[in-house]
Amino acid sequence: MDFKLQTGIFTEEQNFKPLKTDIVYDVLILGGGPAGFTAAVYCMRKGVSTGLIVKEIGGQVAETAGIENYMGYRYINGMDLAMKFKEQVAQFGIDYDEKGTVKAIETGDVKKVRLTDGRVFSARALIIATGAAWRKLGVPGEDELRGKGVANCSTCDAPFYVNKKVVVVGGGNSGIEAAIDLAKVGEKVTMVQFLDRLTGDKSLEDKLHEFKNVQVRYEHEVTGINGSQSVESVTVKNRKTGKTEDVSAQGIFVEIGLVPNSEFAKGVLKLNQAGEIMVDCASRTSAPGIFAAGDVTDVPFKQIIIAAGEGAKAALSACNYILMGE
């Protein structure tokens, strides 16, 4: 291909084209977060016919108030970063479907993706990058104040709580790690643990107890998150006495785990006990021609930059499968 023509498809705005049900794509990518969008860029640059199915732009990224640990940006709002991902993919003129929810996938030489609205799309290879959703408390104020003090990732957001009071919900490893991260910078950390003990590793628990600005409220639960424009306090309930109290806080970190968006893969791909899709070092799943990347997989450390890297890896593996049969 003429180099000028080849580079032109990368620089001229192509925008999205409708995903087609009457053709077999080389690669179909499921997911609109950093893994899915990165995979799309790499597949399009390889010249394979590519389709992208996105339920929600950005996934967890879009719910992040501020990001300081993604290279190239000293600070960027989560939704702004998600839209930049989308804009970068748009230049390739990829076939695209937004708001579609995957109901089921089928293996074979030609893979099938069935959506809940009845449409069926086909491809020789699939890349699953549907991410994961934070487990929610399901209390008043949680959704309304998300991104305004309600957070889920201390690695991402702890620096925004310097000299502030925060609540951490959860007493497993992720909760303890979040409390440690926040105790290093915050004025006070109140941990709310449903059980009468912490359930994380003893080494983490020992480290937690080194901080004098951490208080653990055992056998308590959060019943409400309060504030007008941002979090101002958290209502906690003593499970033994039933007494409630408003704890002053400028932020609350809900660290009770992630739910991988892998329901449609059950019985088709190998999942671990947490429901994550199991992949090897080349992002291959248990089914030939199906790859997975990002938070839906069992790859550790759920971070934006890691998901993007895994998306690139999955794309290159999928392209090798299409172009060289590997």
Protein backbone atom coordinates (compact mmCIF):
# COMPACT_ATOMS: atom_id res chain seq x y z
CA MET A 1 0.00 0.00 0.00
CA ASP A 2 1.22 3.50 -0.80
CA PHE A 3 2.60 5.02 2.43
CA LYS A 4 0.80 8.33 1.92
CA LEU A 5 -2.50 6.56 1.47
CA GLN A 6 -1.80 4.29 4.40
CA THR A 7 -1.06 7.12 6.81
CA GLY A 8 -4.04 9.06 5.53
CA ILE A 9 -6.50 6.64 7.08
CA PHE A 10 -4.92 7.40 10.44
CA THR A 11 -5.07 11.18 10.21
CA GLU A 12 -8.33 12.01 8.44
CA GLU A 13 -11.44 11.89 10.59
CA GLN A 14 -13.46 8.88 9.44
CA ASN A 15 -16.05 8.68 12.25
CA PHE A 16 -18.04 5.55 13.00
CA LYS A 17 -20.01 3.38 10.62
CA PRO A 18 -22.92 1.10 11.61
CA LEU A 19 -22.01 -2.43 12.63
CA LYS A 20 -23.29 -4.94 10.08
CA THR A 21 -25.09 -8.21 10.73
CA ASP A 22 -24.63 -9.58 7.19
CA ILE A 23 -20.83 -9.89 7.11
CA VAL A 24 -18.18 -11.85 8.98
CA TYR A 25 -15.63 -9.50 10.54
CA ASP A 26 -12.06 -10.53 11.14
CA VAL A 27 -12.28 -9.28 14.72
CA LEU A 28 -15.17 -8.16 16.91
CA ILE A 29 -14.29 -6.28 20.08
CA LEU A 30 -16.71 -6.18 23.00
CA GLY A 31 -16.25 -3.24 25.35
CA GLY A 32 -15.75 0.52 25.36
CA GLY A 33 -13.17 1.04 28.09
CA PRO A 34 -9.40 1.46 27.79
CA ALA A 35 -8.87 -2.20 26.85
CA GLY A 36 -11.57 -2.26 24.17
CA PHE A 37 -10.70 1.07 22.56
CA THR A 38 -6.96 0.30 22.58
CA ALA A 39 -7.62 -3.08 20.99
CA ALA A 40 -9.66 -1.33 18.28
CA VAL A 41 -6.79 1.03 17.40
CA TYR A 42 -4.31 -1.83 17.12
CA CYS A 43 -6.64 -4.01 15.02
CA MET A 44 -7.46 -1.19 12.61
CA ARG A 45 -3.77 -0.35 12.21
CA LYS A 46 -3.12 -3.99 11.31
CA GLY A 47 -5.67 -3.71 8.50
CA VAL A 48 -8.08 -6.42 9.67
CA SER A 49 -11.81 -5.77 9.34
CA THR A 50 -12.93 -4.77 12.81
CA GLY A 51 -16.21 -4.17 14.61
CA LEU A 52 -16.68 -2.63 18.05
CA ILE A 53 -19.65 -3.18 20.37
CA VAL A 54 -19.85 -0.72 23.25
CA LYS A 55 -22.44 -0.83 26.01
CA GLU A 56 -21.16 2.22 27.92
CA ILE A 57 -18.38 4.59 26.99
CA GLY A 58 -15.46 4.38 29.38
CA GLY A 59 -16.76 1.86 31.89
CA GLN A 60 -15.22 2.48 35.32
CA VAL A 61 -12.98 5.17 33.83
CA ALA A 62 -16.02 7.36 33.21
CA GLU A 63 -16.91 7.13 36.91
CA THR A 64 -13.48 8.30 38.10
CA ALA A 65 -13.40 11.89 39.31
CA GLY A 66 -9.79 12.60 38.46
CA ILE A 67 -6.85 10.71 36.99
CA GLU A 68 -3.21 11.59 37.61
CA ASN A 69 -1.53 8.26 36.85
CA TYR A 70 -2.25 7.81 33.13
CA MET A 71 0.79 8.79 31.11
CA GLY A 72 0.52 11.94 29.00
CA TYR A 73 -1.89 13.67 31.38
CA ARG A 74 -0.88 15.40 34.59
CA TYR A 75 -4.58 15.43 35.46
CA ILE A 76 -7.72 14.54 33.53
CA ASN A 77 -11.34 13.86 34.39
CA GLY A 78 -12.35 10.24 33.85
CA MET A 79 -15.12 10.95 31.35
CA ASP A 80 -12.85 13.31 29.43
CA LEU A 81 -10.25 10.56 29.09
CA ALA A 82 -12.91 8.07 27.97
CA MET A 83 -14.08 10.48 25.26
CA LYS A 84 -10.49 10.96 24.09
CA PHE A 85 -10.25 7.18 23.70
CA LYS A 86 -13.42 7.24 21.60
CA GLU A 87 -12.23 10.16 19.48
CA GLN A 88 -8.96 8.39 18.71
CA VAL A 89 -10.81 5.30 17.52
CA ALA A 90 -13.20 7.42 15.41
CA GLN A 91 -10.42 8.43 13.03
CA PHE A 92 -10.25 4.89 11.69
CA GLY A 93 -13.85 4.68 10.49
CA ILE A 94 -14.51 1.53 12.47
CA ASP A 95 -17.86 -0.28 12.32
CA TYR A 96 -19.43 0.54 15.65
CA ASP A 97 -22.48 -0.14 17.80
CA GLU A 98 -23.23 1.71 21.03
CA LYS A 99 -25.64 0.73 23.81
CA GLY A 100 -25.70 -2.90 22.69
CA THR A 101 -25.70 -5.45 25.50
CA VAL A 102 -24.14 -8.86 24.86
CA LYS A 103 -26.42 -11.75 25.75
CA ALA A 104 -24.34 -14.71 24.57
CA ILE A 105 -21.31 -15.71 22.55
CA GLU A 106 -20.74 -18.85 20.47
CA THR A 107 -17.48 -20.53 19.55
CA GLY A 108 -16.48 -22.13 16.25
CA ASP A 109 -14.60 -21.12 13.13
CA VAL A 110 -17.03 -18.21 12.94
CA LYS A 111 -17.84 -16.79 16.37
CA LYS A 112 -21.28 -15.35 17.07
CA VAL A 113 -22.19 -12.48 19.36
CA ARG A 114 -25.86 -12.28 20.29
CA LEU A 115 -27.24 -9.07 21.74
CA THR A 116 -30.25 -8.74 24.01
CA ASP A 117 -32.15 -6.93 21.25
CA GLY A 118 -31.95 -10.02 19.00
CA ARG A 119 -29.20 -8.89 16.64
CA VAL A 120 -26.37 -11.32 15.87
CA PHE A 121 -22.88 -10.34 14.71
CA SER A 122 -20.18 -12.65 13.37
CA ALA A 123 -16.37 -12.70 13.38
CA ARG A 124 -13.42 -15.02 13.00
CA ALA A 125 -11.99 -13.77 16.30
CA LEU A 126 -13.38 -12.07 19.40
CA ILE A 127 -11.76 -9.79 21.94
CA ILE A 128 -13.74 -9.53 25.16
CA ALA A 129 -13.01 -6.32 27.05
CA THR A 130 -16.29 -5.79 28.88
CA GLY A 131 -14.63 -4.78 32.13
CA ALA A 132 -16.06 -5.09 35.60
CA ALA A 133 -18.46 -3.17 37.79
CA TRP A 134 -17.81 -2.10 41.35
CA ARG A 135 -20.00 -3.83 43.89
CA LYS A 136 -22.37 -1.21 45.21
CA LEU A 137 -23.69 -0.60 48.70
CA GLY A 138 -27.14 0.21 47.34
CA VAL A 139 -27.71 3.07 49.77
CA PRO A 140 -29.14 6.58 49.27
CA GLY A 141 -26.60 9.06 47.94
CA GLU A 142 -24.24 6.48 46.45
CA ASP A 143 -25.17 7.03 42.81
CA GLU A 144 -25.92 10.73 43.19
CA LEU A 145 -22.49 11.49 44.67
CA ARG A 146 -20.40 9.11 42.58
CA GLY A 147 -17.38 11.03 41.36
CA LYS A 148 -18.14 13.72 43.96
CA GLY A 149 -16.60 11.92 46.91
CA VAL A 150 -17.86 8.40 46.29
CA ALA A 151 -14.91 6.44 44.93
CA ASN A 152 -13.65 2.90 44.52
CA CYS A 153 -9.95 3.11 43.70
CA SER A 154 -7.54 4.42 46.33
CA THR A 155 -4.61 3.95 43.96
CA CYS A 156 -6.30 6.41 41.61
CA ASP A 157 -7.92 8.86 43.99
CA ALA A 158 -6.09 8.87 47.35
CA PRO A 159 -4.00 11.97 46.41
CA PHE A 160 -7.22 14.00 46.23
CA TYR A 161 -7.87 13.43 49.95
CA VAL A 162 -4.79 15.00 51.50
CA ASN A 163 -5.65 16.22 55.03
CA LYS A 164 -9.27 15.15 54.62
CA LYS A 165 -11.53 12.74 56.48
CA VAL A 166 -12.54 9.62 54.58
CA VAL A 167 -14.54 6.46 55.14
CA VAL A 168 -13.47 3.08 53.76
CA VAL A 169 -16.08 0.32 53.48
CA GLY A 170 -14.77 -3.22 53.53
CA GLY A 171 -12.35 -5.22 55.65
CA GLY A 172 -10.72 -7.51 53.09
CA ASN A 173 -7.38 -6.94 51.37
CA SER A 174 -8.70 -4.19 49.09
CA GLY A 175 -10.31 -2.35 52.00
CA ILE A 176 -7.20 -2.55 54.16
CA GLU A 177 -4.96 -1.49 51.29
CA ALA A 178 -7.24 1.48 50.60
CA ALA A 179 -7.20 2.48 54.27
CA ILE A 180 -3.39 2.34 54.31
CA ASP A 181 -3.15 4.45 51.13
CA LEU A 182 -5.52 7.03 52.58
CA ALA A 183 -4.01 7.03 56.07
CA LYS A 184 -0.71 8.17 54.56
CA VAL A 185 -2.27 11.38 53.25
CA GLY A 186 -5.59 11.90 55.05
CA GLU A 187 -6.46 13.45 58.37
CA LYS A 188 -8.58 10.53 59.54
CA VAL A 189 -9.72 7.22 58.07
CA THR A 190 -12.78 5.43 59.40
CA MET A 191 -13.10 1.82 58.28
CA VAL A 192 -16.59 0.31 58.30
CA GLN A 193 -16.51 -3.48 58.49
CA PHE A 194 -19.66 -5.61 58.39
CA LEU A 195 -18.05 -8.47 60.34
CA ASP A 196 -16.50 -8.54 63.82
CA ARG A 197 -13.01 -8.85 62.35
CA LEU A 198 -10.95 -7.88 59.34
CA THR A 199 -10.60 -10.59 56.69
CA GLY A 200 -7.46 -9.50 54.86
CA ASP A 201 -3.93 -10.84 55.13
CA LYS A 202 -2.37 -10.56 58.59
CA SER A 203 0.65 -8.71 57.20
CA LEU A 204 -1.65 -6.01 55.82
CA GLU A 205 -3.61 -5.84 59.05
CA ASP A 206 -0.41 -5.41 61.05
CA LYS A 207 0.65 -2.58 58.78
CA LEU A 208 -2.76 -0.93 59.10
CA HIS A 209 -2.49 -0.85 62.90
CA GLU A 210 0.74 1.17 62.62
CA PHE A 211 -1.34 4.21 61.64
CA LYS A 212 -2.77 6.24 64.50
CA ASN A 213 -5.31 8.06 62.32
CA VAL A 214 -7.30 4.91 61.44
CA GLN A 215 -10.39 3.81 63.34
CA VAL A 216 -12.11 0.50 62.55
CA ARG A 217 -15.82 0.18 63.30
CA TYR A 218 -16.55 -3.52 63.46
CA GLU A 219 -20.07 -4.90 62.95
CA HIS A 220 -21.20 -1.68 61.31
CA GLU A 221 -22.73 -0.96 57.92
CA VAL A 222 -23.25 2.14 55.81
CA THR A 223 -26.90 3.11 55.41
CA GLY A 224 -26.54 6.44 53.63
CA ILE A 225 -24.15 8.90 52.02
CA ASN A 226 -24.97 12.55 52.59
CA GLY A 227 -24.12 15.83 50.86
CA SER A 228 -25.43 18.33 48.35
CA GLN A 229 -22.63 18.99 45.86
CA SER A 230 -20.15 16.50 47.37
CA VAL A 231 -19.87 14.01 50.23
CA GLU A 232 -20.22 15.68 53.63
CA SER A 233 -20.95 12.74 55.91
CA VAL A 234 -21.67 9.01 55.95
CA THR A 235 -24.44 7.41 57.99
CA VAL A 236 -23.30 4.20 59.70
CA LYS A 237 -25.37 1.72 61.68
CA ASN A 238 -24.24 -0.49 64.54
CA ARG A 239 -25.52 -3.94 63.57
CA LYS A 240 -25.73 -5.09 67.20
CA THR A 241 -27.56 -2.13 68.73
CA GLY A 242 -29.24 -0.63 65.66
CA LYS A 243 -27.91 2.82 66.57
CA THR A 244 -27.05 5.10 63.65
CA GLU A 245 -24.53 7.94 63.51
CA ASP A 246 -23.36 10.43 60.88
CA VAL A 247 -19.59 10.30 60.45
CA SER A 248 -18.07 13.49 59.06
CA ALA A 249 -16.20 12.74 55.82
CA GLN A 250 -15.30 14.34 52.51
CA GLY A 251 -15.03 11.01 50.75
CA ILE A 252 -16.04 7.36 50.94
CA PHE A 253 -14.21 4.49 49.26
CA VAL A 254 -16.38 1.43 48.63
CA GLU A 255 -13.93 -1.48 48.62
CA ILE A 256 -16.17 -4.53 48.61
CA GLY A 257 -14.97 -6.03 45.36
CA LEU A 258 -15.58 -6.05 41.63
CA VAL A 259 -18.11 -8.00 39.60
CA PRO A 260 -16.65 -8.95 36.18
CA ASN A 261 -19.03 -8.39 33.26
CA SER A 262 -18.64 -11.98 32.11
CA GLU A 263 -22.11 -13.45 32.59
CA PHE A 264 -22.46 -14.16 28.85
CA ALA A 265 -19.23 -16.21 28.88
CA LYS A 266 -20.30 -18.71 31.55
CA GLY A 267 -20.25 -22.24 30.17
CA VAL A 268 -18.35 -21.06 27.09
CA LEU A 269 -15.01 -19.90 28.51
CA LYS A 270 -13.04 -20.92 31.57
CA LEU A 271 -13.68 -18.54 34.48
CA ASN A 272 -12.12 -18.42 37.92
CA GLN A 273 -14.06 -18.40 41.20
CA ALA A 274 -14.48 -14.63 41.00
CA GLY A 275 -16.08 -14.95 37.56
CA GLU A 276 -13.07 -13.46 35.76
CA ILE A 277 -12.15 -14.81 32.34
CA MET A 278 -8.90 -16.75 32.62
CA VAL A 279 -6.25 -15.78 30.07
CA ASP A 280 -2.65 -16.73 29.34
CA CYS A 281 0.28 -14.37 28.78
CA ALA A 282 -0.92 -13.71 25.21
CA SER A 283 -4.51 -12.87 26.27
CA ARG A 284 -5.82 -16.18 24.91
CA THR A 285 -8.87 -17.67 26.62
CA SER A 286 -9.80 -21.35 26.82
CA ALA A 287 -11.50 -21.15 23.39
CA PRO A 288 -9.44 -20.81 20.20
CA GLY A 289 -9.84 -17.42 18.53
CA ILE A 290 -11.36 -15.76 21.59
CA PHE A 291 -9.18 -13.32 23.51
CA ALA A 292 -9.85 -11.17 26.55
CA ALA A 293 -8.32 -8.09 28.14
CA GLY A 294 -8.77 -5.67 31.01
CA ASP A 295 -10.76 -5.93 34.21
CA VAL A 296 -12.96 -8.78 32.96
CA THR A 297 -9.91 -11.06 33.11
CA ASP A 298 -7.88 -12.60 35.92
CA VAL A 299 -4.91 -10.30 35.21
CA PRO A 300 -3.99 -8.61 38.54
CA PHE A 301 -3.96 -4.89 39.29
CA LYS A 302 -7.07 -3.28 37.85
CA GLN A 303 -5.62 -0.05 36.49
CA ILE A 304 -6.40 2.02 33.39
CA ILE A 305 -2.88 1.83 32.00
CA ILE A 306 -2.72 -1.94 32.55
CA ALA A 307 -6.08 -2.46 30.85
CA ALA A 308 -4.91 -0.43 27.86
CA GLY A 309 -1.72 -2.49 27.60
CA GLU A 310 -3.68 -5.73 27.85
CA GLY A 311 -6.01 -4.47 25.11
CA ALA A 312 -3.02 -3.92 22.81
CA LYS A 313 -1.71 -7.39 23.61
CA ALA A 314 -5.09 -9.02 22.94
CA ALA A 315 -5.35 -7.18 19.61
CA LEU A 316 -1.92 -8.28 18.46
CA SER A 317 -2.70 -11.85 19.46
CA ALA A 318 -6.03 -11.74 17.64
CA CYS A 319 -4.37 -10.32 14.52
CA ASN A 320 -1.76 -13.07 14.61
CA TYR A 321 -4.60 -15.57 14.83
CA ILE A 322 -6.32 -14.02 11.79
CA LEU A 323 -3.28 -13.31 9.64
CA MET A 324 -1.00 -16.21 10.54
CA GLY A 325 -3.27 -18.77 12.13
CA GLU A 326 -1.47 -18.57 15.47
